Amino acid sequence: MKVELYFILGVSYFLLSACQSKYEKKVTRMVQEWQGKSIKFPADCIFTRQIKDTVDYRIPDSPYKILVYVDSIGCVSCKLRLPIWKEFIKKIDSISDQEIPVLFFFHPKDYKEVRYMLKRYEFDHPICIDRDNRFYKLNLFPTNIMFQTFLLDKQNRVCLIGNPVHNLNVQDLYLKQIQGYTQENPVPNTILQTEREEYDMGIVNNGSIKEMIITLYNEGHYPFYIRGITTSCDCIETSYDWKKIPVNQKKSITIRFKAEQIGDFYRTINIYGNIPRKSLTVNFTGFVK
């Protein structure tokens, strides 16, 4: 069955990116549980723009649809990643002639915070605010944000589970399912290293920005081609002006952390490219005072 085939592919990518067998087993159980499951939608979904004006929006009868569920647990900014979603929606629209809808369902604890985030990033895509959490009660979605985004088929059955803006490998799977996207002439894997797995950014004043430069080393036998970088939160940004690292050479990435909350912090970035696990995770710690 086609749905099962892509679930197998999805499991493979997830397992490659996991570091512990316990997590691998959890991911496998999660994917098996949701494989082919039918998603139930509330009868009267009301969509709005920036939680201000209601819009006459009907969920289209399309071959696929992308469903994003956001609950009230954790950092809203970390969950939304709105700038990246805007770019991903443009990509989906371009390959599907705007035929594939991206459906956002929110059950936020703080509506003002969500409204602020939508306005801040000029996100005017229709969203549904589920004040009574009916959508969750109908489906009992996973609590892990990595498993609260789904690619559904025409019958609203789950084809893929995973967040395409947090994980570029998952994004590839979405594109592959929707368009038959494949990579021609795959680049051989190389070995990418950093000076350390975890960097201490020290003490950062609240409201300020701390900048750090890290160095990547290509210790393999082939050039490293960077595909992109994802971050664990909007409060951390990256920049670089190169596309590849030749063999036995090094390049740098600038990390910018914006301190927004007092206390200890732990942030991560994932660097994607032609390396064995498809991505390299680098951690950053410190304290905001």
C-alpha atoms as a PDB file:
ATOM      1  CA  MET A   1       0.000   0.000   0.000  1.00  0.00           C
ATOM      2  CA  LYS A   2       1.388   3.426  -0.921  1.00  0.00           C
ATOM      3  CA  VAL A   3       0.659   4.907   2.508  1.00  0.00           C
ATOM      4  CA  GLU A   4       2.596   2.094   4.207  1.00  0.00           C
ATOM      5  CA  LEU A   5       5.573   2.575   1.884  1.00  0.00           C
ATOM      6  CA  TYR A   6       6.012   6.201   2.846  1.00  0.00           C
ATOM      7  CA  PHE A   7       5.615   5.372   6.518  1.00  0.00           C
ATOM      8  CA  ILE A   8       8.508   2.976   6.184  1.00  0.00           C
ATOM      9  CA  LEU A   9      10.550   5.762   4.590  1.00  0.00           C
ATOM     10  CA  GLY A  10       9.480   8.111   7.359  1.00  0.00           C
ATOM     11  CA  VAL A  11      10.545   5.682  10.059  1.00  0.00           C
ATOM     12  CA  SER A  12      13.925   5.241   8.402  1.00  0.00           C
ATOM     13  CA  TYR A  13      14.679   8.943   8.416  1.00  0.00           C
ATOM     14  CA  PHE A  14      13.521   9.354  11.993  1.00  0.00           C
ATOM     15  CA  LEU A  15      15.658   6.456  13.151  1.00  0.00           C
ATOM     16  CA  LEU A  16      18.703   7.841  11.396  1.00  0.00           C
ATOM     17  CA  SER A  17      18.325  11.112  13.252  1.00  0.00           C
ATOM     18  CA  ALA A  18      17.768   9.525  16.679  1.00  0.00           C
ATOM     19  CA  CYS A  19      20.695   8.897  18.999  1.00  0.00           C
ATOM     20  CA  GLN A  20      19.292   6.509  21.580  1.00  0.00           C
ATOM     21  CA  SER A  21      17.571   3.161  21.141  1.00  0.00           C
ATOM     22  CA  LYS A  22      14.901   4.211  23.637  1.00  0.00           C
ATOM     23  CA  TYR A  23      13.974   7.141  21.427  1.00  0.00           C
ATOM     24  CA  GLU A  24      14.074   4.936  18.333  1.00  0.00           C
ATOM     25  CA  LYS A  25      11.559   2.552  19.881  1.00  0.00           C
ATOM     26  CA  LYS A  26       9.332   5.448  20.888  1.00  0.00           C
ATOM     27  CA  VAL A  27       9.392   6.871  17.366  1.00  0.00           C
ATOM     28  CA  THR A  28       8.640   3.472  15.837  1.00  0.00           C
ATOM     29  CA  ARG A  29       5.643   2.960  18.134  1.00  0.00           C
ATOM     30  CA  MET A  30       4.402   6.472  17.407  1.00  0.00           C
ATOM     31  CA  VAL A  31       4.553   6.031  13.632  1.00  0.00           C
ATOM     32  CA  GLN A  32       2.974   2.567  13.769  1.00  0.00           C
ATOM     33  CA  GLU A  33       0.147   3.901  15.926  1.00  0.00           C
ATOM     34  CA  TRP A  34      -0.695   6.726  13.520  1.00  0.00           C
ATOM     35  CA  GLN A  35      -0.131   4.872  10.267  1.00  0.00           C
ATOM     36  CA  GLY A  36      -3.256   5.213   8.148  1.00  0.00           C
ATOM     37  CA  LYS A  37      -5.301   6.643  11.031  1.00  0.00           C
ATOM     38  CA  SER A  38      -8.275   8.790   9.966  1.00  0.00           C
ATOM     39  CA  ILE A  39      -8.313  12.332  11.352  1.00  0.00           C
ATOM     40  CA  LYS A  40     -11.686  13.639  12.495  1.00  0.00           C
ATOM     41  CA  PHE A  41     -12.430  17.332  12.024  1.00  0.00           C
ATOM     42  CA  PRO A  42     -14.976  19.287  14.106  1.00  0.00           C
ATOM     43  CA  ALA A  43     -18.198  19.966  12.220  1.00  0.00           C
ATOM     44  CA  ASP A  44     -18.042  23.766  12.380  1.00  0.00           C
ATOM     45  CA  CYS A  45     -14.444  24.903  12.036  1.00  0.00           C
ATOM     46  CA  ILE A  46     -14.197  28.703  12.022  1.00  0.00           C
ATOM     47  CA  PHE A  47     -11.067  30.203  10.487  1.00  0.00           C
ATOM     48  CA  THR A  48      -9.666  33.658  11.160  1.00  0.00           C
ATOM     49  CA  ARG A  49      -6.782  35.867  10.115  1.00  0.00           C
ATOM     50  CA  GLN A  50      -4.525  36.867  13.010  1.00  0.00           C
ATOM     51  CA  ILE A  51      -7.375  36.041  15.436  1.00  0.00           C
ATOM     52  CA  LYS A  52      -9.221  39.185  14.373  1.00  0.00           C
ATOM     53  CA  ASP A  53     -11.429  38.724  11.347  1.00  0.00           C
ATOM     54  CA  THR A  54     -13.247  35.511  10.478  1.00  0.00           C
ATOM     55  CA  VAL A  55     -12.832  34.315   6.904  1.00  0.00           C
ATOM     56  CA  ASP A  56     -15.104  32.263   4.706  1.00  0.00           C
ATOM     57  CA  TYR A  57     -12.709  29.347   4.398  1.00  0.00           C
ATOM     58  CA  ARG A  58     -13.711  25.793   3.574  1.00  0.00           C
ATOM     59  CA  ILE A  59     -11.295  22.891   3.814  1.00  0.00           C
ATOM     60  CA  PRO A  60     -10.856  21.901   0.156  1.00  0.00           C
ATOM     61  CA  ASP A  61     -11.353  18.405  -1.201  1.00  0.00           C
ATOM     62  CA  SER A  62      -7.744  18.023  -2.319  1.00  0.00           C
ATOM     63  CA  PRO A  63      -5.474  15.001  -2.909  1.00  0.00           C
ATOM     64  CA  TYR A  64      -3.430  15.932   0.167  1.00  0.00           C
ATOM     65  CA  LYS A  65      -3.585  18.371   3.030  1.00  0.00           C
ATOM     66  CA  ILE A  66      -1.059  19.331   5.697  1.00  0.00           C
ATOM     67  CA  LEU A  67      -2.405  19.546   9.240  1.00  0.00           C
ATOM     68  CA  VAL A  68      -0.616  21.472  11.985  1.00  0.00           C
ATOM     69  CA  TYR A  69      -1.900  21.184  15.554  1.00  0.00           C
ATOM     70  CA  VAL A  70      -0.470  23.564  18.175  1.00  0.00           C
ATOM     71  CA  ASP A  71      -1.436  23.110  21.826  1.00  0.00           C
ATOM     72  CA  SER A  72      -0.846  25.257  24.909  1.00  0.00           C
ATOM     73  CA  ILE A  73       2.163  23.313  26.181  1.00  0.00           C
ATOM     74  CA  GLY A  74       5.577  24.961  25.957  1.00  0.00           C
ATOM     75  CA  CYS A  75       6.990  27.962  24.111  1.00  0.00           C
ATOM     76  CA  VAL A  76       4.572  29.201  21.440  1.00  0.00           C
ATOM     77  CA  SER A  77       7.354  30.856  19.440  1.00  0.00           C
ATOM     78  CA  CYS A  78       9.334  27.608  19.414  1.00  0.00           C
ATOM     79  CA  LYS A  79       6.290  25.692  18.223  1.00  0.00           C
ATOM     80  CA  LEU A  80       5.144  28.036  15.469  1.00  0.00           C
ATOM     81  CA  ARG A  81       8.355  28.867  13.599  1.00  0.00           C
ATOM     82  CA  LEU A  82       6.166  31.110  11.454  1.00  0.00           C
ATOM     83  CA  PRO A  83       8.859  32.566   9.155  1.00  0.00           C
ATOM     84  CA  ILE A  84       9.880  29.047   8.134  1.00  0.00           C
ATOM     85  CA  TRP A  85       6.260  27.991   7.693  1.00  0.00           C
ATOM     86  CA  LYS A  86       5.705  30.942   5.361  1.00  0.00           C
ATOM     87  CA  GLU A  87       8.578  29.779   3.164  1.00  0.00           C
ATOM     88  CA  PHE A  88       7.431  26.158   3.251  1.00  0.00           C
ATOM     89  CA  ILE A  89       3.866  27.122   2.305  1.00  0.00           C
ATOM     90  CA  LYS A  90       5.243  29.044  -0.693  1.00  0.00           C
ATOM     91  CA  LYS A  91       7.157  25.939  -1.721  1.00  0.00           C
ATOM     92  CA  ILE A  92       4.060  23.738  -1.386  1.00  0.00           C
ATOM     93  CA  ASP A  93       1.984  26.241  -3.374  1.00  0.00           C
ATOM     94  CA  SER A  94       4.576  26.349  -6.146  1.00  0.00           C
ATOM     95  CA  ILE A  95       4.751  22.571  -6.642  1.00  0.00           C
ATOM     96  CA  SER A  96       1.004  21.978  -6.289  1.00  0.00           C
ATOM     97  CA  ASP A  97      -0.410  25.048  -8.028  1.00  0.00           C
ATOM     98  CA  GLN A  98      -1.887  26.078  -4.643  1.00  0.00           C
ATOM     99  CA  GLU A  99      -3.895  22.861  -4.525  1.00  0.00           C
ATOM    100  CA  ILE A 100      -2.552  21.526  -1.202  1.00  0.00           C
ATOM    101  CA  PRO A 101      -3.918  23.376   1.859  1.00  0.00           C
ATOM    102  CA  VAL A 102      -1.959  23.844   5.073  1.00  0.00           C
ATOM    103  CA  LEU A 103      -4.397  23.771   7.996  1.00  0.00           C
ATOM    104  CA  PHE A 104      -3.421  25.324  11.327  1.00  0.00           C
ATOM    105  CA  PHE A 105      -5.437  24.435  14.432  1.00  0.00           C
ATOM    106  CA  PHE A 106      -4.501  26.211  17.665  1.00  0.00           C
ATOM    107  CA  HIS A 107      -5.475  25.572  21.259  1.00  0.00           C
ATOM    108  CA  PRO A 108      -3.357  28.249  22.946  1.00  0.00           C
ATOM    109  CA  LYS A 109      -3.215  29.116  26.611  1.00  0.00           C
ATOM    110  CA  ASP A 110      -2.523  32.761  25.850  1.00  0.00           C
ATOM    111  CA  TYR A 111      -4.464  34.115  22.864  1.00  0.00           C
ATOM    112  CA  LYS A 112      -2.754  37.510  23.085  1.00  0.00           C
ATOM    113  CA  GLU A 113       0.630  35.854  22.685  1.00  0.00           C
ATOM    114  CA  VAL A 114      -0.503  34.004  19.566  1.00  0.00           C
ATOM    115  CA  ARG A 115      -2.051  37.158  18.114  1.00  0.00           C
ATOM    116  CA  TYR A 116       1.196  39.020  18.776  1.00  0.00           C
ATOM    117  CA  MET A 117       3.240  36.309  17.048  1.00  0.00           C
ATOM    118  CA  LEU A 118       0.942  36.258  14.014  1.00  0.00           C
ATOM    119  CA  LYS A 119       1.117  40.036  13.694  1.00  0.00           C
ATOM    120  CA  ARG A 120       4.862  40.179  14.343  1.00  0.00           C
ATOM    121  CA  TYR A 121       5.630  37.824  11.467  1.00  0.00           C
ATOM    122  CA  GLU A 122       2.825  39.146   9.218  1.00  0.00           C
ATOM    123  CA  PHE A 123       1.301  35.696   9.039  1.00  0.00           C
ATOM    124  CA  ASP A 124      -2.111  36.138   7.411  1.00  0.00           C
ATOM    125  CA  HIS A 125      -2.722  32.481   6.531  1.00  0.00           C
ATOM    126  CA  PRO A 126      -6.188  31.312   7.731  1.00  0.00           C
ATOM    127  CA  ILE A 127      -6.032  29.564  11.103  1.00  0.00           C
ATOM    128  CA  CYS A 128      -8.603  27.879  13.330  1.00  0.00           C
ATOM    129  CA  ILE A 129      -8.670  28.718  17.049  1.00  0.00           C
ATOM    130  CA  ASP A 130     -10.052  25.711  18.915  1.00  0.00           C
ATOM    131  CA  ARG A 131     -10.961  27.285  22.245  1.00  0.00           C
ATOM    132  CA  ASP A 132     -12.615  24.155  23.649  1.00  0.00           C
ATOM    133  CA  ASN A 133      -9.900  21.837  22.324  1.00  0.00           C
ATOM    134  CA  ARG A 134     -12.503  19.784  20.453  1.00  0.00           C
ATOM    135  CA  PHE A 135     -10.055  18.830  17.724  1.00  0.00           C
ATOM    136  CA  TYR A 136      -7.693  17.237  20.216  1.00  0.00           C
ATOM    137  CA  LYS A 137     -10.522  15.421  21.993  1.00  0.00           C
ATOM    138  CA  LEU A 138     -11.608  13.877  18.693  1.00  0.00           C
ATOM    139  CA  ASN A 139      -8.116  12.616  17.823  1.00  0.00           C
ATOM    140  CA  LEU A 140      -5.896  12.623  20.959  1.00  0.00           C
ATOM    141  CA  PHE A 141      -2.841  13.979  19.170  1.00  0.00           C
ATOM    142  CA  PRO A 142       0.677  13.272  20.504  1.00  0.00           C
ATOM    143  CA  THR A 143       2.018  15.803  23.017  1.00  0.00           C
ATOM    144  CA  ASN A 144       5.448  15.978  21.344  1.00  0.00           C
ATOM    145  CA  ILE A 145       5.513  18.908  18.897  1.00  0.00           C
ATOM    146  CA  MET A 146       7.586  16.845  16.474  1.00  0.00           C
ATOM    147  CA  PHE A 147       4.548  14.599  15.987  1.00  0.00           C
ATOM    148  CA  GLN A 148       1.764  17.185  15.828  1.00  0.00           C
ATOM    149  CA  THR A 149       2.038  17.823  12.089  1.00  0.00           C
ATOM    150  CA  PHE A 150       0.569  15.407   9.552  1.00  0.00           C
ATOM    151  CA  LEU A 151       0.317  14.899   5.816  1.00  0.00           C
ATOM    152  CA  LEU A 152      -3.196  13.612   5.115  1.00  0.00           C
ATOM    153  CA  ASP A 153      -4.588  12.003   1.983  1.00  0.00           C
ATOM    154  CA  LYS A 154      -7.913  12.757   0.300  1.00  0.00           C
ATOM    155  CA  GLN A 155      -9.777  10.654   2.892  1.00  0.00           C
ATOM    156  CA  ASN A 156      -7.996  12.442   5.778  1.00  0.00           C
ATOM    157  CA  ARG A 157      -5.871   9.387   6.562  1.00  0.00           C
ATOM    158  CA  VAL A 158      -2.375   9.999   7.904  1.00  0.00           C
ATOM    159  CA  CYS A 159       0.294   9.455   5.242  1.00  0.00           C
ATOM    160  CA  LEU A 160       3.196  11.023   7.151  1.00  0.00           C
ATOM    161  CA  ILE A 161       3.742  12.289  10.671  1.00  0.00           C
ATOM    162  CA  GLY A 162       6.473  14.778  11.531  1.00  0.00           C
ATOM    163  CA  ASN A 163       7.233  18.491  11.479  1.00  0.00           C
ATOM    164  CA  PRO A 164       8.711  19.645   8.136  1.00  0.00           C
ATOM    165  CA  VAL A 165       9.938  22.999   9.464  1.00  0.00           C
ATOM    166  CA  HIS A 166      11.846  21.462  12.367  1.00  0.00           C
ATOM    167  CA  ASN A 167      13.404  18.672  10.301  1.00  0.00           C
ATOM    168  CA  LEU A 168      14.528  19.047   6.681  1.00  0.00           C
ATOM    169  CA  ASN A 169      14.552  15.265   6.210  1.00  0.00           C
ATOM    170  CA  VAL A 170      10.854  15.189   7.068  1.00  0.00           C
ATOM    171  CA  GLN A 171      10.329  18.082   4.663  1.00  0.00           C
ATOM    172  CA  ASP A 172      11.866  15.970   1.908  1.00  0.00           C
ATOM    173  CA  LEU A 173       9.383  13.193   2.670  1.00  0.00           C
ATOM    174  CA  TYR A 174       6.445  15.602   2.387  1.00  0.00           C
ATOM    175  CA  LEU A 175       7.687  16.866  -0.968  1.00  0.00           C
ATOM    176  CA  LYS A 176       8.327  13.335  -2.155  1.00  0.00           C
ATOM    177  CA  GLN A 177       4.809  12.224  -1.297  1.00  0.00           C
ATOM    178  CA  ILE A 178       3.136  15.277  -2.815  1.00  0.00           C
ATOM    179  CA  GLN A 179       5.175  15.610  -5.974  1.00  0.00           C
ATOM    180  CA  GLY A 180       7.151  12.418  -6.376  1.00  0.00           C
ATOM    181  CA  TYR A 181      10.212  14.474  -5.468  1.00  0.00           C
ATOM    182  CA  THR A 182      13.501  12.583  -5.564  1.00  0.00           C
ATOM    183  CA  GLN A 183      17.140  13.612  -5.453  1.00  0.00           C
ATOM    184  CA  GLU A 184      19.075  12.693  -8.581  1.00  0.00           C
ATOM    185  CA  ASN A 185      22.726  11.694  -8.344  1.00  0.00           C
ATOM    186  CA  PRO A 186      22.950  11.776  -4.529  1.00  0.00           C
ATOM    187  CA  VAL A 187      26.190  13.212  -3.150  1.00  0.00           C
ATOM    188  CA  PRO A 188      28.419  10.733  -1.227  1.00  0.00           C
ATOM    189  CA  ASN A 189      28.490  11.205   2.537  1.00  0.00           C
ATOM    190  CA  THR A 190      31.432  12.826   4.251  1.00  0.00           C
ATOM    191  CA  ILE A 191      32.422  13.418   7.904  1.00  0.00           C
ATOM    192  CA  LEU A 192      31.581  16.762   9.517  1.00  0.00           C
ATOM    193  CA  GLN A 193      32.973  17.727  12.914  1.00  0.00           C
ATOM    194  CA  THR A 194      32.791  20.687  15.289  1.00  0.00           C
ATOM    195  CA  GLU A 195      35.221  21.683  18.025  1.00  0.00           C
ATOM    196  CA  ARG A 196      32.724  20.406  20.595  1.00  0.00           C
ATOM    197  CA  GLU A 197      29.154  19.106  20.757  1.00  0.00           C
ATOM    198  CA  GLU A 198      28.063  21.710  23.314  1.00  0.00           C
ATOM    199  CA  TYR A 199      29.031  25.379  23.551  1.00  0.00           C
ATOM    200  CA  ASP A 200      28.698  27.512  26.690  1.00  0.00           C
ATOM    201  CA  MET A 201      27.507  31.018  25.831  1.00  0.00           C
ATOM    202  CA  GLY A 202      28.018  32.145  29.424  1.00  0.00           C
ATOM    203  CA  ILE A 203      25.890  34.801  31.120  1.00  0.00           C
ATOM    204  CA  VAL A 204      23.683  36.879  28.818  1.00  0.00           C
ATOM    205  CA  ASN A 205      21.756  39.989  29.848  1.00  0.00           C
ATOM    206  CA  ASN A 206      18.019  39.735  29.325  1.00  0.00           C
ATOM    207  CA  GLY A 207      16.961  41.544  26.160  1.00  0.00           C
ATOM    208  CA  SER A 208      20.445  41.491  24.667  1.00  0.00           C
ATOM    209  CA  ILE A 209      21.930  39.444  21.818  1.00  0.00           C
ATOM    210  CA  LYS A 210      24.914  37.143  22.271  1.00  0.00           C
ATOM    211  CA  GLU A 211      26.913  36.241  19.176  1.00  0.00           C
ATOM    212  CA  MET A 212      29.206  33.247  18.803  1.00  0.00           C
ATOM    213  CA  ILE A 213      31.129  31.801  15.873  1.00  0.00           C
ATOM    214  CA  ILE A 214      31.570  28.040  15.564  1.00  0.00           C
ATOM    215  CA  THR A 215      33.814  26.203  13.133  1.00  0.00           C
ATOM    216  CA  LEU A 216      32.915  23.163  11.030  1.00  0.00           C
ATOM    217  CA  TYR A 217      35.621  20.788   9.828  1.00  0.00           C
ATOM    218  CA  ASN A 218      35.270  18.439   6.858  1.00  0.00           C
ATOM    219  CA  GLU A 219      37.296  15.383   7.872  1.00  0.00           C
ATOM    220  CA  GLY A 220      35.867  13.040   5.242  1.00  0.00           C
ATOM    221  CA  HIS A 221      36.835  12.120   1.695  1.00  0.00           C
ATOM    222  CA  TYR A 222      34.199  14.189  -0.148  1.00  0.00           C
ATOM    223  CA  PRO A 223      33.142  17.861  -0.105  1.00  0.00           C
ATOM    224  CA  PHE A 224      30.402  18.771   2.370  1.00  0.00           C
ATOM    225  CA  TYR A 225      27.380  20.493   0.804  1.00  0.00           C
ATOM    226  CA  ILE A 226      25.135  22.285   3.264  1.00  0.00           C
ATOM    227  CA  ARG A 227      21.373  21.957   2.716  1.00  0.00           C
ATOM    228  CA  GLY A 228      20.245  24.216   5.499  1.00  0.00           C
ATOM    229  CA  ILE A 229      20.066  24.746   9.250  1.00  0.00           C
ATOM    230  CA  THR A 230      17.120  24.463  11.623  1.00  0.00           C
ATOM    231  CA  THR A 231      17.048  25.889  15.151  1.00  0.00           C
ATOM    232  CA  SER A 232      15.143  24.840  18.255  1.00  0.00           C
ATOM    233  CA  CYS A 233      13.687  28.309  18.795  1.00  0.00           C
ATOM    234  CA  ASP A 234      13.127  31.626  17.033  1.00  0.00           C
ATOM    235  CA  CYS A 235      15.420  33.174  19.659  1.00  0.00           C
ATOM    236  CA  ILE A 236      18.461  31.642  17.971  1.00  0.00           C
ATOM    237  CA  GLU A 237      19.537  32.513  14.426  1.00  0.00           C
ATOM    238  CA  THR A 238      22.356  31.361  12.180  1.00  0.00           C
ATOM    239  CA  SER A 239      24.168  32.881   9.208  1.00  0.00           C
ATOM    240  CA  TYR A 240      26.881  31.740   6.799  1.00  0.00           C
ATOM    241  CA  ASP A 241      28.136  32.794   3.351  1.00  0.00           C
ATOM    242  CA  TRP A 242      29.271  29.479   1.887  1.00  0.00           C
ATOM    243  CA  LYS A 243      27.671  26.427   0.255  1.00  0.00           C
ATOM    244  CA  LYS A 244      30.326  23.746   0.616  1.00  0.00           C
ATOM    245  CA  ILE A 245      33.384  22.772   2.622  1.00  0.00           C
ATOM    246  CA  PRO A 246      36.151  21.124   0.588  1.00  0.00           C
ATOM    247  CA  VAL A 247      37.950  18.081   1.987  1.00  0.00           C
ATOM    248  CA  ASN A 248      40.251  18.863   4.943  1.00  0.00           C
ATOM    249  CA  GLN A 249      39.050  22.453   5.109  1.00  0.00           C
ATOM    250  CA  LYS A 250      36.874  24.402   7.527  1.00  0.00           C
ATOM    251  CA  LYS A 251      34.117  27.013   7.464  1.00  0.00           C
ATOM    252  CA  SER A 252      32.378  29.047  10.144  1.00  0.00           C
ATOM    253  CA  ILE A 253      28.775  29.678  11.147  1.00  0.00           C
ATOM    254  CA  THR A 254      27.658  32.703  13.167  1.00  0.00           C
ATOM    255  CA  ILE A 255      25.195  31.989  15.982  1.00  0.00           C
ATOM    256  CA  ARG A 256      23.050  34.808  17.370  1.00  0.00           C
ATOM    257  CA  PHE A 257      21.062  34.185  20.562  1.00  0.00           C
ATOM    258  CA  LYS A 258      18.439  36.689  21.702  1.00  0.00           C
ATOM    259  CA  ALA A 259      17.848  36.493  25.451  1.00  0.00           C
ATOM    260  CA  GLU A 260      14.110  36.689  26.099  1.00  0.00           C
ATOM    261  CA  GLN A 261      13.599  34.911  29.430  1.00  0.00           C
ATOM    262  CA  ILE A 262      15.588  34.914  32.674  1.00  0.00           C
ATOM    263  CA  GLY A 263      17.100  31.594  33.731  1.00  0.00           C
ATOM    264  CA  ASP A 264      19.111  28.726  32.309  1.00  0.00           C
ATOM    265  CA  PHE A 265      18.747  28.059  28.594  1.00  0.00           C
ATOM    266  CA  TYR A 266      19.494  25.116  26.334  1.00  0.00           C
ATOM    267  CA  ARG A 267      19.181  25.566  22.580  1.00  0.00           C
ATOM    268  CA  THR A 268      20.135  23.430  19.596  1.00  0.00           C
ATOM    269  CA  ILE A 269      20.789  23.802  15.899  1.00  0.00           C
ATOM    270  CA  ASN A 270      20.733  21.037  13.290  1.00  0.00           C
ATOM    271  CA  ILE A 271      23.054  21.322  10.292  1.00  0.00           C
ATOM    272  CA  TYR A 272      21.844  19.335   7.259  1.00  0.00           C
ATOM    273  CA  GLY A 273      23.917  17.985   4.419  1.00  0.00           C
ATOM    274  CA  ASN A 274      25.630  14.914   3.005  1.00  0.00           C
ATOM    275  CA  ILE A 275      26.644  13.307   6.301  1.00  0.00           C
ATOM    276  CA  PRO A 276      25.726   9.832   7.649  1.00  0.00           C
ATOM    277  CA  ARG A 277      22.861  10.862   9.955  1.00  0.00           C
ATOM    278  CA  LYS A 278      21.684  13.542   7.492  1.00  0.00           C
ATOM    279  CA  SER A 279      22.180  16.208  10.161  1.00  0.00           C
ATOM    280  CA  LEU A 280      24.637  17.292  12.853  1.00  0.00           C
ATOM    281  CA  THR A 281      23.246  18.598  16.157  1.00  0.00           C
ATOM    282  CA  VAL A 282      25.104  21.316  18.060  1.00  0.00           C
ATOM    283  CA  ASN A 283      23.987  22.449  21.533  1.00  0.00           C
ATOM    284  CA  PHE A 284      24.252  25.843  23.239  1.00  0.00           C
ATOM    285  CA  THR A 285      23.831  26.517  26.952  1.00  0.00           C
ATOM    286  CA  GLY A 286      24.045  29.517  29.234  1.00  0.00           C
ATOM    287  CA  PHE A 287      22.204  31.696  31.717  1.00  0.00           C
ATOM    288  CA  VAL A 288      20.068  34.792  31.143  1.00  0.00           C
ATOM    289  CA  LYS A 289      20.111  37.324  33.974  1.00  0.00           C
END
